[in-house]
């Protein structure tokens, strides 16, 4: 486990520990492979450093290709599992239910259809 400054972190690195904000909310869980979107999130929340390392099976020479595949995977809403996406939200809360409906609609290609 090594501390990495956010400006030195790169897509494809694996988080060794959970990343939490100042209030103690988990921003990212340990074990995930960082994407460009994750790094932007951490920067936006003012995170200065993380505990992360390289993937054990990926040599440094292929980091560019793993970075592009991690970035494209994060932009594929059809592949996002709803349960994983909303796992930290209260399933009974009306806004959570609305978000789930909107997610299903987008995943099924219905766009931003307005529903009551």
PDB file of N, CA and C in Angstrom:
ATOM      1  N   UNK A   1       0.860  -1.167   0.000  1.00  0.00           N
ATOM      2  CA  UNK A   1       0.000   0.000   0.000  1.00  0.00           C
ATOM      3  C   UNK A   1       0.905   1.228   0.000  1.00  0.00           C
ATOM      4  N   UNK A   2       0.620   2.161  -0.924  1.00  0.00           N
ATOM      5  CA  UNK A   2       1.415   3.381  -0.955  1.00  0.00           C
ATOM      6  C   UNK A   2       0.511   4.591  -1.152  1.00  0.00           C
ATOM      7  N   UNK A   3       0.910   5.695  -0.557  1.00  0.00           N
ATOM      8  CA  UNK A   3       0.144   6.925  -0.696  1.00  0.00           C
ATOM      9  C   UNK A   3       0.500   7.576  -2.025  1.00  0.00           C
ATOM     10  N   UNK A   4      -0.536   7.976  -2.764  1.00  0.00           N
ATOM     11  CA  UNK A   4      -0.362   8.591  -4.068  1.00  0.00           C
ATOM     12  C   UNK A   4      -1.094   9.924  -4.058  1.00  0.00           C
ATOM     13  N   UNK A   5      -0.395  10.986  -4.428  1.00  0.00           N
ATOM     14  CA  UNK A   5      -1.061  12.280  -4.544  1.00  0.00           C
ATOM     15  C   UNK A   5      -2.036  12.209  -5.713  1.00  0.00           C
ATOM     16  N   UNK A   6      -3.168  12.908  -5.584  1.00  0.00           N
ATOM     17  CA  UNK A   6      -4.199  12.862  -6.623  1.00  0.00           C
ATOM     18  C   UNK A   6      -3.626  13.268  -7.974  1.00  0.00           C
ATOM     19  N   UNK A   7      -2.782  14.284  -8.014  1.00  0.00           N
ATOM     20  CA  UNK A   7      -2.232  14.715  -9.292  1.00  0.00           C
ATOM     21  C   UNK A   7      -1.303  13.668  -9.911  1.00  0.00           C
ATOM     22  N   UNK A   8      -0.825  12.702  -9.107  1.00  0.00           N
ATOM     23  CA  UNK A   8       0.024  11.626  -9.620  1.00  0.00           C
ATOM     24  C   UNK A   8      -0.755  10.344  -9.903  1.00  0.00           C
ATOM     25  N   UNK A   9      -2.002  10.284  -9.458  1.00  0.00           N
ATOM     26  CA  UNK A   9      -2.824   9.083  -9.680  1.00  0.00           C
ATOM     27  C   UNK A   9      -3.204   9.004 -11.153  1.00  0.00           C
ATOM     28  N   UNK A  10      -3.430   7.786 -11.624  1.00  0.00           N
ATOM     29  CA  UNK A  10      -3.809   7.598 -13.032  1.00  0.00           C
ATOM     30  C   UNK A  10      -4.848   6.488 -13.149  1.00  0.00           C
ATOM     31  N   UNK A  11      -5.638   6.543 -14.209  1.00  0.00           N
ATOM     32  CA  UNK A  11      -6.633   5.490 -14.424  1.00  0.00           C
ATOM     33  C   UNK A  11      -5.973   4.112 -14.444  1.00  0.00           C
ATOM     34  N   UNK A  12      -6.684   3.145 -13.896  1.00  0.00           N
ATOM     35  CA  UNK A  12      -6.176   1.779 -13.842  1.00  0.00           C
ATOM     36  C   UNK A  12      -5.565   1.421 -12.490  1.00  0.00           C
ATOM     37  N   UNK A  13      -5.242   2.425 -11.678  1.00  0.00           N
ATOM     38  CA  UNK A  13      -4.715   2.134 -10.343  1.00  0.00           C
ATOM     39  C   UNK A  13      -5.833   1.537  -9.494  1.00  0.00           C
ATOM     40  N   UNK A  14      -5.470   0.697  -8.545  1.00  0.00           N
ATOM     41  CA  UNK A  14      -6.428   0.034  -7.668  1.00  0.00           C
ATOM     42  C   UNK A  14      -6.369   0.678  -6.285  1.00  0.00           C
ATOM     43  N   UNK A  15      -7.542   1.073  -5.755  1.00  0.00           N
ATOM     44  CA  UNK A  15      -7.599   1.656  -4.411  1.00  0.00           C
ATOM     45  C   UNK A  15      -7.328   0.584  -3.368  1.00  0.00           C
ATOM     46  N   UNK A  16      -6.429   0.872  -2.447  1.00  0.00           N
ATOM     47  CA  UNK A  16      -6.105  -0.052  -1.360  1.00  0.00           C
ATOM     48  C   UNK A  16      -7.045   0.132  -0.171  1.00  0.00           C
ATOM     49  N   UNK A  17      -7.567   1.350  -0.002  1.00  0.00           N
ATOM     50  CA  UNK A  17      -8.471   1.650   1.112  1.00  0.00           C
ATOM     51  C   UNK A  17      -9.643   2.471   0.601  1.00  0.00           C
ATOM     52  N   UNK A  18     -10.743   2.491   1.361  1.00  0.00           N
ATOM     53  CA  UNK A  18     -11.869   3.356   1.029  1.00  0.00           C
ATOM     54  C   UNK A  18     -11.410   4.807   1.048  1.00  0.00           C
ATOM     55  N   UNK A  19     -11.998   5.623   0.185  1.00  0.00           N
ATOM     56  CA  UNK A  19     -11.733   7.065   0.195  1.00  0.00           C
ATOM     57  C   UNK A  19     -12.971   7.729   0.768  1.00  0.00           C
ATOM     58  N   UNK A  20     -12.780   8.517   1.830  1.00  0.00           N
ATOM     59  CA  UNK A  20     -13.899   9.184   2.495  1.00  0.00           C
ATOM     60  C   UNK A  20     -13.707  10.693   2.434  1.00  0.00           C
ATOM     61  N   UNK A  21     -14.837  11.431   2.464  1.00  0.00           N
ATOM     62  CA  UNK A  21     -14.749  12.888   2.499  1.00  0.00           C
ATOM     63  C   UNK A  21     -14.597  13.355   3.944  1.00  0.00           C
ATOM     64  N   UNK A  22     -14.570  14.668   4.133  1.00  0.00           N
ATOM     65  CA  UNK A  22     -14.366  15.227   5.473  1.00  0.00           C
ATOM     66  C   UNK A  22     -15.474  14.839   6.446  1.00  0.00           C
ATOM     67  N   UNK A  23     -16.674  14.564   5.923  1.00  0.00           N
ATOM     68  CA  UNK A  23     -17.797  14.184   6.775  1.00  0.00           C
ATOM     69  C   UNK A  23     -17.833  12.685   7.052  1.00  0.00           C
ATOM     70  N   UNK A  24     -16.906  11.925   6.466  1.00  0.00           N
ATOM     71  CA  UNK A  24     -16.864  10.485   6.689  1.00  0.00           C
ATOM     72  C   UNK A  24     -17.665   9.673   5.693  1.00  0.00           C
ATOM     73  N   UNK A  25     -18.220  10.308   4.664  1.00  0.00           N
ATOM     74  CA  UNK A  25     -18.967   9.592   3.625  1.00  0.00           C
ATOM     75  C   UNK A  25     -17.989   8.906   2.672  1.00  0.00           C
ATOM     76  N   UNK A  26     -18.290   7.656   2.341  1.00  0.00           N
ATOM     77  CA  UNK A  26     -17.420   6.915   1.427  1.00  0.00           C
ATOM     78  C   UNK A  26     -17.642   7.435   0.004  1.00  0.00           C
ATOM     79  N   UNK A  27     -16.565   7.934  -0.599  1.00  0.00           N
ATOM     80  CA  UNK A  27     -16.620   8.400  -1.985  1.00  0.00           C
ATOM     81  C   UNK A  27     -16.355   7.253  -2.946  1.00  0.00           C
ATOM     82  N   UNK A  28     -15.340   6.459  -2.645  1.00  0.00           N
ATOM     83  CA  UNK A  28     -14.990   5.296  -3.463  1.00  0.00           C
ATOM     84  C   UNK A  28     -14.549   4.163  -2.546  1.00  0.00           C
ATOM     85  N   UNK A  29     -14.934   2.950  -2.889  1.00  0.00           N
ATOM     86  CA  UNK A  29     -14.613   1.781  -2.075  1.00  0.00           C
ATOM     87  C   UNK A  29     -13.262   1.193  -2.470  1.00  0.00           C
ATOM     88  N   UNK A  30     -12.604   0.588  -1.500  1.00  0.00           N
ATOM     89  CA  UNK A  30     -11.334  -0.095  -1.745  1.00  0.00           C
ATOM     90  C   UNK A  30     -11.534  -1.193  -2.779  1.00  0.00           C
ATOM     91  N   UNK A  31     -10.522  -1.398  -3.613  1.00  0.00           N
ATOM     92  CA  UNK A  31     -10.553  -2.478  -4.584  1.00  0.00           C
ATOM     93  C   UNK A  31     -10.993  -2.070  -5.974  1.00  0.00           C
ATOM     94  N   UNK A  32     -11.522  -0.853  -6.142  1.00  0.00           N
ATOM     95  CA  UNK A  32     -11.956  -0.470  -7.480  1.00  0.00           C
ATOM     96  C   UNK A  32     -10.775  -0.010  -8.313  1.00  0.00           C
ATOM     97  N   UNK A  33     -10.904  -0.159  -9.610  1.00  0.00           N
ATOM     98  CA  UNK A  33      -9.917   0.339 -10.558  1.00  0.00           C
ATOM     99  C   UNK A  33     -10.318   1.762 -10.925  1.00  0.00           C
ATOM    100  N   UNK A  34      -9.438   2.699 -10.689  1.00  0.00           N
ATOM    101  CA  UNK A  34      -9.759   4.107 -10.919  1.00  0.00           C
ATOM    102  C   UNK A  34      -9.947   4.409 -12.400  1.00  0.00           C
ATOM    103  N   UNK A  35     -10.928   5.254 -12.675  1.00  0.00           N
ATOM    104  CA  UNK A  35     -11.146   5.765 -14.034  1.00  0.00           C
ATOM    105  C   UNK A  35     -10.908   7.269 -14.006  1.00  0.00           C
ATOM    106  N   UNK A  36     -10.935   7.886 -15.151  1.00  0.00           N
ATOM    107  CA  UNK A  36     -10.802   9.335 -15.219  1.00  0.00           C
ATOM    108  C   UNK A  36     -11.911  10.044 -14.463  1.00  0.00           C
ATOM    109  N   UNK A  37     -13.119   9.478 -14.516  1.00  0.00           N
ATOM    110  CA  UNK A  37     -14.253  10.060 -13.794  1.00  0.00           C
ATOM    111  C   UNK A  37     -14.043   9.970 -12.283  1.00  0.00           C
ATOM    112  N   UNK A  38     -13.473   8.861 -11.823  1.00  0.00           N
ATOM    113  CA  UNK A  38     -13.184   8.723 -10.395  1.00  0.00           C
ATOM    114  C   UNK A  38     -12.186   9.787  -9.953  1.00  0.00           C
ATOM    115  N   UNK A  39     -11.149   9.990 -10.745  1.00  0.00           N
ATOM    116  CA  UNK A  39     -10.130  10.980 -10.400  1.00  0.00           C
ATOM    117  C   UNK A  39     -10.724  12.383 -10.363  1.00  0.00           C
ATOM    118  N   UNK A  40     -11.626  12.687 -11.299  1.00  0.00           N
ATOM    119  CA  UNK A  40     -12.292  13.993 -11.300  1.00  0.00           C
ATOM    120  C   UNK A  40     -13.147  14.156 -10.039  1.00  0.00           C
ATOM    121  N   UNK A  41     -13.843  13.094  -9.635  1.00  0.00           N
ATOM    122  CA  UNK A  41     -14.662  13.126  -8.425  1.00  0.00           C
ATOM    123  C   UNK A  41     -13.797  13.410  -7.200  1.00  0.00           C
ATOM    124  N   UNK A  42     -12.688  12.718  -7.096  1.00  0.00           N
ATOM    125  CA  UNK A  42     -11.797  12.907  -5.950  1.00  0.00           C
ATOM    126  C   UNK A  42     -11.244  14.330  -5.921  1.00  0.00           C
ATOM    127  N   UNK A  43     -10.857  14.829  -7.079  1.00  0.00           N
ATOM    128  CA  UNK A  43     -10.351  16.198  -7.155  1.00  0.00           C
ATOM    129  C   UNK A  43     -11.437  17.196  -6.753  1.00  0.00           C
ATOM    130  N   UNK A  44     -12.662  16.994  -7.225  1.00  0.00           N
ATOM    131  CA  UNK A  44     -13.779  17.893  -6.908  1.00  0.00           C
ATOM    132  C   UNK A  44     -14.086  17.909  -5.410  1.00  0.00           C
ATOM    133  N   UNK A  45     -13.845  16.794  -4.730  1.00  0.00           N
ATOM    134  CA  UNK A  45     -14.093  16.713  -3.290  1.00  0.00           C
ATOM    135  C   UNK A  45     -12.887  17.134  -2.465  1.00  0.00           C
ATOM    136  N   UNK A  46     -11.848  17.606  -3.118  1.00  0.00           N
ATOM    137  CA  UNK A  46     -10.686  18.115  -2.403  1.00  0.00           C
ATOM    138  C   UNK A  46      -9.800  17.052  -1.778  1.00  0.00           C
ATOM    139  N   UNK A  47      -9.886  15.822  -2.276  1.00  0.00           N
ATOM    140  CA  UNK A  47      -9.033  14.749  -1.761  1.00  0.00           C
ATOM    141  C   UNK A  47      -7.611  14.989  -2.257  1.00  0.00           C
ATOM    142  N   UNK A  48      -6.659  15.054  -1.348  1.00  0.00           N
ATOM    143  CA  UNK A  48      -5.273  15.365  -1.702  1.00  0.00           C
ATOM    144  C   UNK A  48      -4.468  14.121  -2.065  1.00  0.00           C
ATOM    145  N   UNK A  49      -4.747  12.988  -1.390  1.00  0.00           N
ATOM    146  CA  UNK A  49      -3.972  11.774  -1.617  1.00  0.00           C
ATOM    147  C   UNK A  49      -4.847  10.558  -1.345  1.00  0.00           C
ATOM    148  N   UNK A  50      -4.459   9.441  -1.952  1.00  0.00           N
ATOM    149  CA  UNK A  50      -5.179   8.171  -1.778  1.00  0.00           C
ATOM    150  C   UNK A  50      -4.155   7.069  -1.522  1.00  0.00           C
ATOM    151  N   UNK A  51      -4.637   5.940  -1.018  1.00  0.00           N
ATOM    152  CA  UNK A  51      -3.826   4.745  -0.871  1.00  0.00           C
ATOM    153  C   UNK A  51      -4.143   3.857  -2.067  1.00  0.00           C
ATOM    154  N   UNK A  52      -3.208   3.724  -3.005  1.00  0.00           N
ATOM    155  CA  UNK A  52      -3.481   2.969  -4.230  1.00  0.00           C
ATOM    156  C   UNK A  52      -2.197   2.404  -4.793  1.00  0.00           C
ATOM    157  N   UNK A  53      -2.354   1.436  -5.676  1.00  0.00           N
ATOM    158  CA  UNK A  53      -1.217   0.837  -6.359  1.00  0.00           C
ATOM    159  C   UNK A  53      -1.617   0.403  -7.747  1.00  0.00           C
ATOM    160  N   UNK A  54      -0.629  -0.038  -8.520  1.00  0.00           N
ATOM    161  CA  UNK A  54      -0.892  -0.527  -9.869  1.00  0.00           C
ATOM    162  C   UNK A  54      -1.598  -1.872  -9.809  1.00  0.00           C
ATOM    163  N   UNK A  55      -2.277  -2.209 -10.879  1.00  0.00           N
ATOM    164  CA  UNK A  55      -2.900  -3.520 -10.954  1.00  0.00           C
ATOM    165  C   UNK A  55      -1.804  -4.571 -10.979  1.00  0.00           C
ATOM    166  N   UNK A  56      -1.980  -5.674 -10.260  1.00  0.00           N
ATOM    167  CA  UNK A  56      -0.909  -6.669 -10.170  1.00  0.00           C
ATOM    168  C   UNK A  56      -0.596  -7.359 -11.486  1.00  0.00           C
ATOM    169  N   UNK A  57      -1.574  -7.445 -12.404  1.00  0.00           N
ATOM    170  CA  UNK A  57      -1.344  -8.182 -13.644  1.00  0.00           C
ATOM    171  C   UNK A  57      -1.155  -7.282 -14.852  1.00  0.00           C
ATOM    172  N   UNK A  58      -1.094  -5.965 -14.657  1.00  0.00           N
ATOM    173  CA  UNK A  58      -0.948  -5.049 -15.778  1.00  0.00           C
ATOM    174  C   UNK A  58       0.413  -4.368 -15.736  1.00  0.00           C
ATOM    175  N   UNK A  59       1.271  -4.623 -16.735  1.00  0.00           N
ATOM    176  CA  UNK A  59       2.556  -3.936 -16.776  1.00  0.00           C
ATOM    177  C   UNK A  59       2.379  -2.463 -17.124  1.00  0.00           C
ATOM    178  N   UNK A  60       3.371  -1.626 -16.756  1.00  0.00           N
ATOM    179  CA  UNK A  60       3.286  -0.191 -16.991  1.00  0.00           C
ATOM    180  C   UNK A  60       3.134   0.151 -18.467  1.00  0.00           C
ATOM    181  N   UNK A  61       3.682  -0.643 -19.365  1.00  0.00           N
ATOM    182  CA  UNK A  61       3.618  -0.352 -20.788  1.00  0.00           C
ATOM    183  C   UNK A  61       2.193  -0.361 -21.314  1.00  0.00           C
ATOM    184  N   UNK A  62       1.301  -1.094 -20.682  1.00  0.00           N
ATOM    185  CA  UNK A  62      -0.073  -1.173 -21.166  1.00  0.00           C
ATOM    186  C   UNK A  62      -1.021  -0.262 -20.402  1.00  0.00           C
ATOM    187  N   UNK A  63      -0.493   0.649 -19.585  1.00  0.00           N
ATOM    188  CA  UNK A  63      -1.366   1.496 -18.785  1.00  0.00           C
ATOM    189  C   UNK A  63      -2.220   2.407 -19.637  1.00  0.00           C
ATOM    190  N   UNK A  64      -1.735   2.842 -20.796  1.00  0.00           N
ATOM    191  CA  UNK A  64      -2.537   3.708 -21.666  1.00  0.00           C
ATOM    192  C   UNK A  64      -3.749   2.966 -22.196  1.00  0.00           C
ATOM    193  N   UNK A  65      -3.580   1.709 -22.613  1.00  0.00           N
ATOM    194  CA  UNK A  65      -4.727   0.972 -23.131  1.00  0.00           C
ATOM    195  C   UNK A  65      -5.704   0.610 -22.024  1.00  0.00           C
ATOM    196  N   UNK A  66      -5.201   0.307 -20.818  1.00  0.00           N
ATOM    197  CA  UNK A  66      -6.118   0.009 -19.722  1.00  0.00           C
ATOM    198  C   UNK A  66      -6.847   1.268 -19.282  1.00  0.00           C
ATOM    199  N   UNK A  67      -6.202   2.441 -19.402  1.00  0.00           N
ATOM    200  CA  UNK A  67      -6.853   3.695 -19.041  1.00  0.00           C
ATOM    201  C   UNK A  67      -7.988   3.992 -19.999  1.00  0.00           C
ATOM    202  N   UNK A  68      -7.789   3.763 -21.295  1.00  0.00           N
ATOM    203  CA  UNK A  68      -8.858   4.054 -22.247  1.00  0.00           C
ATOM    204  C   UNK A  68     -10.006   3.067 -22.090  1.00  0.00           C
ATOM    205  N   UNK A  69      -9.721   1.809 -21.781  1.00  0.00           N
ATOM    206  CA  UNK A  69     -10.811   0.859 -21.597  1.00  0.00           C
ATOM    207  C   UNK A  69     -11.567   1.134 -20.300  1.00  0.00           C
ATOM    208  N   UNK A  70     -10.868   1.579 -19.240  1.00  0.00           N
ATOM    209  CA  UNK A  70     -11.552   1.926 -17.993  1.00  0.00           C
ATOM    210  C   UNK A  70     -12.437   3.139 -18.207  1.00  0.00           C
ATOM    211  N   UNK A  71     -11.956   4.111 -18.986  1.00  0.00           N
ATOM    212  CA  UNK A  71     -12.740   5.312 -19.247  1.00  0.00           C
ATOM    213  C   UNK A  71     -13.972   4.988 -20.070  1.00  0.00           C
ATOM    214  N   UNK A  72     -13.832   4.152 -21.106  1.00  0.00           N
ATOM    215  CA  UNK A  72     -14.993   3.836 -21.937  1.00  0.00           C
ATOM    216  C   UNK A  72     -15.991   2.970 -21.169  1.00  0.00           C
ATOM    217  N   UNK A  73     -15.512   2.126 -20.257  1.00  0.00           N
ATOM    218  CA  UNK A  73     -16.433   1.309 -19.465  1.00  0.00           C
ATOM    219  C   UNK A  73     -17.275   2.173 -18.541  1.00  0.00           C
ATOM    220  N   UNK A  74     -16.695   3.273 -18.042  1.00  0.00           N
ATOM    221  CA  UNK A  74     -17.445   4.125 -17.132  1.00  0.00           C
ATOM    222  C   UNK A  74     -18.511   4.934 -17.858  1.00  0.00           C
ATOM    223  N   UNK A  75     -18.437   5.025 -19.193  1.00  0.00           N
ATOM    224  CA  UNK A  75     -19.412   5.767 -19.973  1.00  0.00           C
ATOM    225  C   UNK A  75     -20.475   4.875 -20.589  1.00  0.00           C
ATOM    226  N   UNK A  76     -20.584   3.636 -20.152  1.00  0.00           N
ATOM    227  CA  UNK A  76     -21.538   2.701 -20.740  1.00  0.00           C
ATOM    228  C   UNK A  76     -22.676   2.435 -19.763  1.00  0.00           C
ATOM    229  N   UNK A  77     -23.739   3.277 -19.780  1.00  0.00           N
ATOM    230  CA  UNK A  77     -24.807   3.114 -18.795  1.00  0.00           C
ATOM    231  C   UNK A  77     -25.552   1.795 -18.919  1.00  0.00           C
ATOM    232  N   UNK A  78     -25.574   1.178 -20.095  1.00  0.00           N
ATOM    233  CA  UNK A  78     -26.289  -0.086 -20.255  1.00  0.00           C
ATOM    234  C   UNK A  78     -25.643  -1.199 -19.441  1.00  0.00           C
ATOM    235  N   UNK A  79     -24.350  -1.060 -19.154  1.00  0.00           N
ATOM    236  CA  UNK A  79     -23.634  -2.099 -18.426  1.00  0.00           C
ATOM    237  C   UNK A  79     -23.674  -1.890 -16.912  1.00  0.00           C
ATOM    238  N   UNK A  80     -24.253  -0.789 -16.466  1.00  0.00           N
ATOM    239  CA  UNK A  80     -24.270  -0.483 -15.040  1.00  0.00           C
ATOM    240  C   UNK A  80     -25.390  -1.277 -14.364  1.00  0.00           C
ATOM    241  N   UNK A  81     -25.034  -2.011 -13.337  1.00  0.00           N
ATOM    242  CA  UNK A  81     -25.999  -2.776 -12.560  1.00  0.00           C
ATOM    243  C   UNK A  81     -26.706  -1.832 -11.590  1.00  0.00           C
ATOM    244  N   UNK A  82     -28.025  -1.754 -11.682  1.00  0.00           N
ATOM    245  CA  UNK A  82     -28.793  -0.834 -10.844  1.00  0.00           C
ATOM    246  C   UNK A  82     -28.568  -1.080  -9.357  1.00  0.00           C
ATOM    247  N   UNK A  83     -28.506  -2.325  -8.959  1.00  0.00           N
ATOM    248  CA  UNK A  83     -28.310  -2.618  -7.537  1.00  0.00           C
ATOM    249  C   UNK A  83     -26.969  -2.087  -7.054  1.00  0.00           C
ATOM    250  N   UNK A  84     -25.933  -2.251  -7.852  1.00  0.00           N
ATOM    251  CA  UNK A  84     -24.606  -1.758  -7.483  1.00  0.00           C
ATOM    252  C   UNK A  84     -24.598  -0.233  -7.473  1.00  0.00           C
ATOM    253  N   UNK A  85     -25.234   0.366  -8.461  1.00  0.00           N
ATOM    254  CA  UNK A  85     -25.244   1.816  -8.583  1.00  0.00           C
ATOM    255  C   UNK A  85     -25.939   2.498  -7.410  1.00  0.00           C
ATOM    256  N   UNK A  86     -27.041   1.920  -6.929  1.00  0.00           N
ATOM    257  CA  UNK A  86     -27.846   2.543  -5.888  1.00  0.00           C
ATOM    258  C   UNK A  86     -27.701   1.853  -4.531  1.00  0.00           C
ATOM    259  N   UNK A  87     -26.649   1.093  -4.332  1.00  0.00           N
ATOM    260  CA  UNK A  87     -26.497   0.269  -3.128  1.00  0.00           C
ATOM    261  C   UNK A  87     -26.431   1.072  -1.836  1.00  0.00           C
ATOM    262  N   UNK A  88     -25.989   2.322  -1.892  1.00  0.00           N
ATOM    263  CA  UNK A  88     -25.844   3.113  -0.671  1.00  0.00           C
ATOM    264  C   UNK A  88     -27.031   4.019  -0.399  1.00  0.00           C
ATOM    265  N   UNK A  89     -28.073   3.925  -1.202  1.00  0.00           N
ATOM    266  CA  UNK A  89     -29.238   4.784  -1.040  1.00  0.00           C
ATOM    267  C   UNK A  89     -30.383   4.030  -0.382  1.00  0.00           C
ATOM    268  N   UNK A  90     -31.256   4.761   0.268  1.00  0.00           N
ATOM    269  CA  UNK A  90     -32.436   4.193   0.903  1.00  0.00           C
ATOM    270  C   UNK A  90     -33.424   3.776  -0.186  1.00  0.00           C
ATOM    271  N   UNK A  91     -33.687   2.470  -0.345  1.00  0.00           N
ATOM    272  CA  UNK A  91     -34.566   2.013  -1.422  1.00  0.00           C
ATOM    273  C   UNK A  91     -36.005   2.505  -1.285  1.00  0.00           C
ATOM    274  N   UNK A  92     -36.434   2.877  -0.094  1.00  0.00           N
ATOM    275  CA  UNK A  92     -37.797   3.350   0.101  1.00  0.00           C
ATOM    276  C   UNK A  92     -37.972   4.841  -0.108  1.00  0.00           C
ATOM    277  N   UNK A  93     -36.873   5.573  -0.257  1.00  0.00           N
ATOM    278  CA  UNK A  93     -36.962   7.022  -0.409  1.00  0.00           C
ATOM    279  C   UNK A  93     -37.498   7.372  -1.806  1.00  0.00           C
ATOM    280  N   UNK A  94     -38.426   8.324  -1.891  1.00  0.00           N
ATOM    281  CA  UNK A  94     -39.021   8.674  -3.182  1.00  0.00           C
ATOM    282  C   UNK A  94     -37.998   9.112  -4.234  1.00  0.00           C
ATOM    283  N   UNK A  95     -36.961   9.820  -3.830  1.00  0.00           N
ATOM    284  CA  UNK A  95     -35.963  10.243  -4.812  1.00  0.00           C
ATOM    285  C   UNK A  95     -35.143   9.065  -5.325  1.00  0.00           C
ATOM    286  N   UNK A  96     -34.860   8.105  -4.470  1.00  0.00           N
ATOM    287  CA  UNK A  96     -34.153   6.909  -4.907  1.00  0.00           C
ATOM    288  C   UNK A  96     -34.998   6.154  -5.917  1.00  0.00           C
ATOM    289  N   UNK A  97     -36.290   6.043  -5.643  1.00  0.00           N
ATOM    290  CA  UNK A  97     -37.189   5.356  -6.570  1.00  0.00           C
ATOM    291  C   UNK A  97     -37.237   6.073  -7.913  1.00  0.00           C
ATOM    292  N   UNK A  98     -37.264   7.403  -7.884  1.00  0.00           N
ATOM    293  CA  UNK A  98     -37.285   8.202  -9.117  1.00  0.00           C
ATOM    294  C   UNK A  98     -35.981   7.988  -9.894  1.00  0.00           C
ATOM    295  N   UNK A  99     -34.842   8.003  -9.195  1.00  0.00           N
ATOM    296  CA  UNK A  99     -33.564   7.774  -9.860  1.00  0.00           C
ATOM    297  C   UNK A  99     -33.501   6.393 -10.501  1.00  0.00           C
ATOM    298  N   UNK A 100     -34.019   5.394  -9.803  1.00  0.00           N
ATOM    299  CA  UNK A 100     -34.043   4.039 -10.371  1.00  0.00           C
ATOM    300  C   UNK A 100     -34.884   3.988 -11.645  1.00  0.00           C
ATOM    301  N   UNK A 101     -36.060   4.651 -11.618  1.00  0.00           N
ATOM    302  CA  UNK A 101     -36.919   4.687 -12.817  1.00  0.00           C
ATOM    303  C   UNK A 101     -36.203   5.371 -13.980  1.00  0.00           C
ATOM    304  N   UNK A 102     -35.579   6.508 -13.701  1.00  0.00           N
ATOM    305  CA  UNK A 102     -34.863   7.231 -14.753  1.00  0.00           C
ATOM    306  C   UNK A 102     -33.699   6.403 -15.302  1.00  0.00           C
ATOM    307  N   UNK A 103     -32.999   5.713 -14.412  1.00  0.00           N
ATOM    308  CA  UNK A 103     -31.890   4.856 -14.835  1.00  0.00           C
ATOM    309  C   UNK A 103     -32.397   3.735 -15.749  1.00  0.00           C
ATOM    310  N   UNK A 104     -33.505   3.103 -15.352  1.00  0.00           N
ATOM    311  CA  UNK A 104     -34.075   2.036 -16.185  1.00  0.00           C
ATOM    312  C   UNK A 104     -34.482   2.567 -17.553  1.00  0.00           C
ATOM    313  N   UNK A 105     -35.090   3.753 -17.579  1.00  0.00           N
ATOM    314  CA  UNK A 105     -35.518   4.335 -18.847  1.00  0.00           C
ATOM    315  C   UNK A 105     -34.325   4.601 -19.759  1.00  0.00           C
ATOM    316  N   UNK A 106     -33.284   5.181 -19.214  1.00  0.00           N
ATOM    317  CA  UNK A 106     -32.096   5.456 -20.026  1.00  0.00           C
ATOM    318  C   UNK A 106     -31.439   4.173 -20.496  1.00  0.00           C
ATOM    319  N   UNK A 107     -31.374   3.197 -19.612  1.00  0.00           N
ATOM    320  CA  UNK A 107     -30.760   1.920 -19.971  1.00  0.00           C
ATOM    321  C   UNK A 107     -31.543   1.238 -21.081  1.00  0.00           C
ATOM    322  N   UNK A 108     -32.862   1.421 -21.090  1.00  0.00           N
ATOM    323  CA  UNK A 108     -33.710   0.804 -22.102  1.00  0.00           C
ATOM    324  C   UNK A 108     -33.893   1.678 -23.333  1.00  0.00           C
ATOM    325  N   UNK A 109     -33.148   2.806 -23.404  1.00  0.00           N
ATOM    326  CA  UNK A 109     -33.182   3.649 -24.580  1.00  0.00           C
ATOM    327  C   UNK A 109     -34.390   4.563 -24.670  1.00  0.00           C
ATOM    328  N   UNK A 110     -35.048   4.826 -23.565  1.00  0.00           N
ATOM    329  CA  UNK A 110     -36.226   5.683 -23.584  1.00  0.00           C
ATOM    330  C   UNK A 110     -35.873   7.134 -23.315  1.00  0.00           C
ATOM    331  N   UNK A 111     -34.587   7.451 -23.150  1.00  0.00           N
ATOM    332  CA  UNK A 111     -34.145   8.831 -22.959  1.00  0.00           C
ATOM    333  C   UNK A 111     -34.685   9.456 -21.693  1.00  0.00           C
ATOM    334  N   UNK A 112     -35.032  10.715 -21.794  1.00  0.00           N
ATOM    335  CA  UNK A 112     -35.503  11.488 -20.637  1.00  0.00           C
ATOM    336  C   UNK A 112     -37.024  11.569 -20.596  1.00  0.00           C
ATOM    337  N   UNK A 113     -37.684  10.497 -20.919  1.00  0.00           N
ATOM    338  CA  UNK A 113     -39.152  10.509 -20.915  1.00  0.00           C
ATOM    339  C   UNK A 113     -39.671  10.958 -19.564  1.00  0.00           C
ATOM    340  N   UNK A 114     -40.600  11.902 -19.573  1.00  0.00           N
ATOM    341  CA  UNK A 114     -41.156  12.426 -18.331  1.00  0.00           C
ATOM    342  C   UNK A 114     -42.269  11.507 -17.855  1.00  0.00           C
ATOM    343  N   UNK A 115     -42.154  11.092 -16.587  1.00  0.00           N
ATOM    344  CA  UNK A 115     -43.238  10.281 -16.008  1.00  0.00           C
ATOM    345  C   UNK A 115     -43.649  10.876 -14.691  1.00  0.00           C
ATOM    346  N   UNK A 116     -44.842  10.605 -14.294  1.00  0.00           N
ATOM    347  CA  UNK A 116     -45.382  11.169 -13.052  1.00  0.00           C
ATOM    348  C   UNK A 116     -45.148  10.244 -11.895  1.00  0.00           C
TER     349      UNK A 116
END
